[in-house]
Amino acid sequence: MNGANAPRGDVFYDIGDTEAAVRVYQEMLRTISQATGELPLIGVDGVYGKGTEEATRQLQAMCGLPVTGRVDRATWEAAAEKSLAIRERNTPPLGIKPFPCTAGFCIECGAHGNLVLLLQIVLEELSSVYEEFGDIPLTGTLDNRTMRAVRCFQKKNFLAENEEVNKETWDALARQYNFRIGVSE
């Protein structure tokens, strides 16, 4: 759906054309149709047939372009712009990945800061499943109460019990937290 697949120069797509870019164009039209209902819903088969021609005419009219039923650069760009805007609007926001990607990084007992506060929020959410956690104070410091909950989580999940939160523990916490709040990975 980018310029790499767009028609070159004065190339037009018209009835009977079967280039690979026709399939990409049909996907753009289909995205617009499904999101807005303003275009007929067409199949994506890579063949520029009557359905694609009619959807193109309606797209051209909607965008104030000359209504020819053929795909020129302006028509392609209008379809690309509209379908990209729809996809961006319908894409879920990016997740935050606060745990550093540095190999061997861990959060040790006594550490403090926003990452520890986030750890405590995750543990607090999971405390309804792991009653042994008790209340987790949201202090931003990896204190003994928080560390006790971490060790309990590690034990219940067959992880190495230690005085730190490493990548393995963080990933297990994240998976369970995401599942608990209904977010897929």
C-alpha atoms as a PDB file:
ATOM      1  CA  MET A   1       0.000   0.000   0.000  1.00  0.00           C
ATOM      2  CA  ASN A   2       2.873   2.339  -0.620  1.00  0.00           C
ATOM      3  CA  GLY A   3       4.534   4.019  -3.546  1.00  0.00           C
ATOM      4  CA  ALA A   4       6.519   0.878  -4.381  1.00  0.00           C
ATOM      5  CA  ASN A   5       3.334  -0.841  -5.549  1.00  0.00           C
ATOM      6  CA  ALA A   6       1.802   2.227  -7.188  1.00  0.00           C
ATOM      7  CA  PRO A   7       1.353   2.529 -10.930  1.00  0.00           C
ATOM      8  CA  ARG A   8       4.367   4.028 -12.675  1.00  0.00           C
ATOM      9  CA  GLY A   9       4.185   7.076 -14.903  1.00  0.00           C
ATOM     10  CA  ASP A  10       0.945   7.253 -16.871  1.00  0.00           C
ATOM     11  CA  VAL A  11       0.015   3.607 -16.284  1.00  0.00           C
ATOM     12  CA  PHE A  12      -3.718   3.063 -15.859  1.00  0.00           C
ATOM     13  CA  TYR A  13      -5.388  -0.040 -14.531  1.00  0.00           C
ATOM     14  CA  ASP A  14      -8.486  -0.901 -16.462  1.00  0.00           C
ATOM     15  CA  ILE A  15     -10.869  -3.794 -17.131  1.00  0.00           C
ATOM     16  CA  GLY A  16      -8.982  -7.052 -17.624  1.00  0.00           C
ATOM     17  CA  ASP A  17      -5.648  -5.989 -16.084  1.00  0.00           C
ATOM     18  CA  THR A  18      -4.094  -8.577 -13.777  1.00  0.00           C
ATOM     19  CA  GLU A  19      -0.879  -7.035 -12.439  1.00  0.00           C
ATOM     20  CA  ALA A  20       0.142  -7.688  -8.815  1.00  0.00           C
ATOM     21  CA  ALA A  21      -0.572  -4.037  -8.017  1.00  0.00           C
ATOM     22  CA  VAL A  22      -4.242  -4.596  -8.927  1.00  0.00           C
ATOM     23  CA  ARG A  23      -4.524  -6.921  -5.912  1.00  0.00           C
ATOM     24  CA  VAL A  24      -2.938  -4.265  -3.665  1.00  0.00           C
ATOM     25  CA  TYR A  25      -5.348  -1.664  -5.048  1.00  0.00           C
ATOM     26  CA  GLN A  26      -8.317  -3.984  -4.436  1.00  0.00           C
ATOM     27  CA  GLU A  27      -7.152  -4.466  -0.840  1.00  0.00           C
ATOM     28  CA  MET A  28      -7.162  -0.688  -0.389  1.00  0.00           C
ATOM     29  CA  LEU A  29     -10.685  -0.413  -1.833  1.00  0.00           C
ATOM     30  CA  ARG A  30     -11.864  -3.258   0.382  1.00  0.00           C
ATOM     31  CA  THR A  31     -10.428  -1.559   3.486  1.00  0.00           C
ATOM     32  CA  ILE A  32     -12.286   1.643   2.608  1.00  0.00           C
ATOM     33  CA  SER A  33     -15.507  -0.252   1.904  1.00  0.00           C
ATOM     34  CA  GLN A  34     -15.424  -2.256   5.136  1.00  0.00           C
ATOM     35  CA  ALA A  35     -14.714   0.819   7.254  1.00  0.00           C
ATOM     36  CA  THR A  36     -17.054   3.328   5.638  1.00  0.00           C
ATOM     37  CA  GLY A  37     -19.629   1.439   3.591  1.00  0.00           C
ATOM     38  CA  GLU A  38     -19.243   4.174   0.956  1.00  0.00           C
ATOM     39  CA  LEU A  39     -17.879   1.797  -1.702  1.00  0.00           C
ATOM     40  CA  PRO A  40     -19.192  -1.561  -2.867  1.00  0.00           C
ATOM     41  CA  LEU A  41     -17.441  -4.473  -1.159  1.00  0.00           C
ATOM     42  CA  ILE A  42     -15.294  -6.174  -3.785  1.00  0.00           C
ATOM     43  CA  GLY A  43     -13.316  -9.387  -3.875  1.00  0.00           C
ATOM     44  CA  VAL A  44      -9.536  -9.307  -3.861  1.00  0.00           C
ATOM     45  CA  ASP A  45      -8.507 -11.532  -6.748  1.00  0.00           C
ATOM     46  CA  GLY A  46      -5.935  -9.456  -8.650  1.00  0.00           C
ATOM     47  CA  VAL A  47      -8.208  -9.088 -11.674  1.00  0.00           C
ATOM     48  CA  TYR A  48      -9.506  -5.624 -12.549  1.00  0.00           C
ATOM     49  CA  GLY A  49     -13.109  -6.523 -13.265  1.00  0.00           C
ATOM     50  CA  LYS A  50     -16.469  -4.762 -13.278  1.00  0.00           C
ATOM     51  CA  GLY A  51     -16.687  -4.682  -9.450  1.00  0.00           C
ATOM     52  CA  THR A  52     -13.295  -3.012  -9.139  1.00  0.00           C
ATOM     53  CA  GLU A  53     -14.231  -0.567 -11.885  1.00  0.00           C
ATOM     54  CA  GLU A  54     -17.465   0.413 -10.101  1.00  0.00           C
ATOM     55  CA  ALA A  55     -15.707   0.812  -6.741  1.00  0.00           C
ATOM     56  CA  THR A  56     -13.079   2.944  -8.496  1.00  0.00           C
ATOM     57  CA  ARG A  57     -15.777   5.184 -10.007  1.00  0.00           C
ATOM     58  CA  GLN A  58     -17.344   5.695  -6.589  1.00  0.00           C
ATOM     59  CA  LEU A  59     -13.953   6.403  -4.999  1.00  0.00           C
ATOM     60  CA  GLN A  60     -13.170   8.941  -7.702  1.00  0.00           C
ATOM     61  CA  ALA A  61     -16.529  10.688  -7.202  1.00  0.00           C
ATOM     62  CA  MET A  62     -16.072  10.684  -3.418  1.00  0.00           C
ATOM     63  CA  CYS A  63     -12.604  12.261  -3.775  1.00  0.00           C
ATOM     64  CA  GLY A  64     -13.552  14.828  -6.427  1.00  0.00           C
ATOM     65  CA  LEU A  65     -11.451  13.143  -9.125  1.00  0.00           C
ATOM     66  CA  PRO A  66     -12.453  12.672 -12.759  1.00  0.00           C
ATOM     67  CA  VAL A  67     -14.769   9.646 -12.815  1.00  0.00           C
ATOM     68  CA  THR A  68     -13.222   7.284 -15.360  1.00  0.00           C
ATOM     69  CA  GLY A  69     -13.302   3.901 -13.651  1.00  0.00           C
ATOM     70  CA  ARG A  70      -9.590   3.564 -14.455  1.00  0.00           C
ATOM     71  CA  VAL A  71      -6.756   3.833 -11.946  1.00  0.00           C
ATOM     72  CA  ASP A  72      -4.307   6.647 -12.511  1.00  0.00           C
ATOM     73  CA  ARG A  73      -1.768   8.077 -10.065  1.00  0.00           C
ATOM     74  CA  ALA A  74      -4.312  10.436  -8.398  1.00  0.00           C
ATOM     75  CA  THR A  75      -6.807   7.603  -7.907  1.00  0.00           C
ATOM     76  CA  TRP A  76      -4.121   5.305  -6.513  1.00  0.00           C
ATOM     77  CA  GLU A  77      -2.919   7.979  -4.088  1.00  0.00           C
ATOM     78  CA  ALA A  78      -6.467   8.757  -2.937  1.00  0.00           C
ATOM     79  CA  ALA A  79      -7.115   5.059  -2.239  1.00  0.00           C
ATOM     80  CA  ALA A  80      -3.766   4.694  -0.477  1.00  0.00           C
ATOM     81  CA  GLU A  81      -4.325   7.783   1.680  1.00  0.00           C
ATOM     82  CA  LYS A  82      -7.852   6.785   2.721  1.00  0.00           C
ATOM     83  CA  SER A  83      -7.026   3.133   3.432  1.00  0.00           C
ATOM     84  CA  LEU A  84      -3.862   3.999   5.347  1.00  0.00           C
ATOM     85  CA  ALA A  85      -5.753   6.492   7.516  1.00  0.00           C
ATOM     86  CA  ILE A  86      -8.372   3.810   8.242  1.00  0.00           C
ATOM     87  CA  ARG A  87      -5.744   1.213   9.134  1.00  0.00           C
ATOM     88  CA  GLU A  88      -3.899   3.617  11.408  1.00  0.00           C
ATOM     89  CA  ARG A  89      -7.142   4.610  13.135  1.00  0.00           C
ATOM     90  CA  ASN A  90      -8.118   0.953  13.663  1.00  0.00           C
ATOM     91  CA  THR A  91      -4.723  -0.302  14.811  1.00  0.00           C
ATOM     92  CA  PRO A  92      -4.393  -0.714  18.560  1.00  0.00           C
ATOM     93  CA  PRO A  93      -1.917   1.602  20.262  1.00  0.00           C
ATOM     94  CA  LEU A  94       1.602   0.356  20.757  1.00  0.00           C
ATOM     95  CA  GLY A  95       2.283  -1.290  24.076  1.00  0.00           C
ATOM     96  CA  ILE A  96       4.870   0.073  26.455  1.00  0.00           C
ATOM     97  CA  LYS A  97       7.840  -2.184  27.116  1.00  0.00           C
ATOM     98  CA  PRO A  98       9.577  -0.655  30.099  1.00  0.00           C
ATOM     99  CA  PHE A  99      11.854  -3.575  30.996  1.00  0.00           C
ATOM    100  CA  PRO A 100      15.275  -2.774  29.485  1.00  0.00           C
ATOM    101  CA  CYS A 101      16.467  -4.964  26.630  1.00  0.00           C
ATOM    102  CA  THR A 102      19.975  -5.100  28.091  1.00  0.00           C
ATOM    103  CA  ALA A 103      21.113  -8.720  28.482  1.00  0.00           C
ATOM    104  CA  GLY A 104      21.311  -9.745  32.121  1.00  0.00           C
ATOM    105  CA  PHE A 105      19.370  -6.728  33.424  1.00  0.00           C
ATOM    106  CA  CYS A 106      17.440  -7.323  36.622  1.00  0.00           C
ATOM    107  CA  ILE A 107      15.737  -5.335  39.359  1.00  0.00           C
ATOM    108  CA  GLU A 108      17.286  -6.095  42.731  1.00  0.00           C
ATOM    109  CA  CYS A 109      15.937  -5.757  46.253  1.00  0.00           C
ATOM    110  CA  GLY A 110      16.305  -2.152  47.391  1.00  0.00           C
ATOM    111  CA  ALA A 111      15.987  -0.696  43.883  1.00  0.00           C
ATOM    112  CA  HIS A 112      13.627   2.212  43.444  1.00  0.00           C
ATOM    113  CA  GLY A 113      12.023   4.167  40.634  1.00  0.00           C
ATOM    114  CA  ASN A 114       9.223   4.013  38.091  1.00  0.00           C
ATOM    115  CA  LEU A 115      10.069   0.489  36.908  1.00  0.00           C
ATOM    116  CA  VAL A 116       9.659  -0.794  40.481  1.00  0.00           C
ATOM    117  CA  LEU A 117       6.403   1.154  40.794  1.00  0.00           C
ATOM    118  CA  LEU A 118       5.143  -0.533  37.622  1.00  0.00           C
ATOM    119  CA  LEU A 119       6.220  -3.916  39.049  1.00  0.00           C
ATOM    120  CA  GLN A 120       4.201  -3.145  42.180  1.00  0.00           C
ATOM    121  CA  ILE A 121       1.141  -2.200  40.118  1.00  0.00           C
ATOM    122  CA  VAL A 122       1.394  -5.520  38.231  1.00  0.00           C
ATOM    123  CA  LEU A 123       1.774  -7.463  41.484  1.00  0.00           C
ATOM    124  CA  GLU A 124      -1.169  -5.590  43.027  1.00  0.00           C
ATOM    125  CA  GLU A 125      -3.369  -6.503  40.037  1.00  0.00           C
ATOM    126  CA  LEU A 126      -2.307 -10.150  40.298  1.00  0.00           C
ATOM    127  CA  SER A 127      -2.875 -10.215  44.060  1.00  0.00           C
ATOM    128  CA  SER A 128      -6.512 -11.163  43.447  1.00  0.00           C
ATOM    129  CA  VAL A 129      -5.217 -14.402  41.926  1.00  0.00           C
ATOM    130  CA  TYR A 130      -2.276 -14.823  44.308  1.00  0.00           C
ATOM    131  CA  GLU A 131      -3.856 -14.110  47.688  1.00  0.00           C
ATOM    132  CA  GLU A 132      -0.505 -14.838  49.353  1.00  0.00           C
ATOM    133  CA  PHE A 133       0.804 -11.525  48.010  1.00  0.00           C
ATOM    134  CA  GLY A 134      -1.278  -9.494  50.432  1.00  0.00           C
ATOM    135  CA  ASP A 135      -1.398  -5.745  49.883  1.00  0.00           C
ATOM    136  CA  ILE A 136       1.437  -4.423  47.768  1.00  0.00           C
ATOM    137  CA  PRO A 137       2.344  -0.870  48.806  1.00  0.00           C
ATOM    138  CA  LEU A 138       2.890   1.348  45.767  1.00  0.00           C
ATOM    139  CA  THR A 139       6.096   3.009  46.969  1.00  0.00           C
ATOM    140  CA  GLY A 140       8.408   2.662  43.978  1.00  0.00           C
ATOM    141  CA  THR A 141      10.916   0.837  46.187  1.00  0.00           C
ATOM    142  CA  LEU A 142      11.563  -2.889  45.936  1.00  0.00           C
ATOM    143  CA  ASP A 143      11.117  -3.466  49.663  1.00  0.00           C
ATOM    144  CA  ASN A 144      10.717  -6.709  51.624  1.00  0.00           C
ATOM    145  CA  ARG A 145       6.897  -6.897  51.147  1.00  0.00           C
ATOM    146  CA  THR A 146       7.236  -6.487  47.386  1.00  0.00           C
ATOM    147  CA  MET A 147      10.135  -8.958  47.263  1.00  0.00           C
ATOM    148  CA  ARG A 148       8.089 -11.501  49.245  1.00  0.00           C
ATOM    149  CA  ALA A 149       5.341 -11.252  46.579  1.00  0.00           C
ATOM    150  CA  VAL A 150       7.947 -11.636  43.813  1.00  0.00           C
ATOM    151  CA  ARG A 151       9.394 -14.793  45.428  1.00  0.00           C
ATOM    152  CA  CYS A 152       5.877 -16.187  45.906  1.00  0.00           C
ATOM    153  CA  PHE A 153       5.139 -15.546  42.216  1.00  0.00           C
ATOM    154  CA  GLN A 154       8.431 -17.163  41.195  1.00  0.00           C
ATOM    155  CA  LYS A 155       7.721 -20.251  43.312  1.00  0.00           C
ATOM    156  CA  LYS A 156       4.126 -20.668  42.048  1.00  0.00           C
ATOM    157  CA  ASN A 157       5.354 -20.348  38.443  1.00  0.00           C
ATOM    158  CA  PHE A 158       8.329 -22.686  38.808  1.00  0.00           C
ATOM    159  CA  LEU A 159      10.842 -19.899  38.318  1.00  0.00           C
ATOM    160  CA  ALA A 160      14.148 -19.543  40.121  1.00  0.00           C
ATOM    161  CA  GLU A 161      13.398 -17.949  43.513  1.00  0.00           C
ATOM    162  CA  ASN A 162      15.886 -15.190  44.179  1.00  0.00           C
ATOM    163  CA  GLU A 163      16.216 -11.609  45.338  1.00  0.00           C
ATOM    164  CA  GLU A 164      15.691 -10.079  41.896  1.00  0.00           C
ATOM    165  CA  VAL A 165      13.274  -9.643  39.020  1.00  0.00           C
ATOM    166  CA  ASN A 166      15.033 -10.850  35.896  1.00  0.00           C
ATOM    167  CA  LYS A 167      13.716 -11.068  32.338  1.00  0.00           C
ATOM    168  CA  GLU A 168      12.209 -14.520  32.912  1.00  0.00           C
ATOM    169  CA  THR A 169      10.240 -13.323  35.945  1.00  0.00           C
ATOM    170  CA  TRP A 170       9.249 -10.061  34.249  1.00  0.00           C
ATOM    171  CA  ASP A 171       7.999 -11.899  31.145  1.00  0.00           C
ATOM    172  CA  ALA A 172       5.922 -14.306  33.244  1.00  0.00           C
ATOM    173  CA  LEU A 173       4.441 -11.390  35.213  1.00  0.00           C
ATOM    174  CA  ALA A 174       3.698  -9.498  31.993  1.00  0.00           C
ATOM    175  CA  ARG A 175       1.970 -12.487  30.371  1.00  0.00           C
ATOM    176  CA  GLN A 176      -0.266 -13.051  33.380  1.00  0.00           C
ATOM    177  CA  TYR A 177      -0.992  -9.353  33.832  1.00  0.00           C
ATOM    178  CA  ASN A 178      -1.894  -8.960  30.146  1.00  0.00           C
ATOM    179  CA  PHE A 179      -4.139 -12.016  30.307  1.00  0.00           C
ATOM    180  CA  ARG A 180      -5.771 -10.713  33.476  1.00  0.00           C
ATOM    181  CA  ILE A 181      -6.640  -7.358  31.921  1.00  0.00           C
ATOM    182  CA  GLY A 182      -7.668  -8.910  28.589  1.00  0.00           C
ATOM    183  CA  VAL A 183      -4.777  -7.818  26.384  1.00  0.00           C
ATOM    184  CA  SER A 184      -3.234 -10.244  23.922  1.00  0.00           C
ATOM    185  CA  GLU A 185       0.480 -10.219  23.229  1.00  0.00           C
END
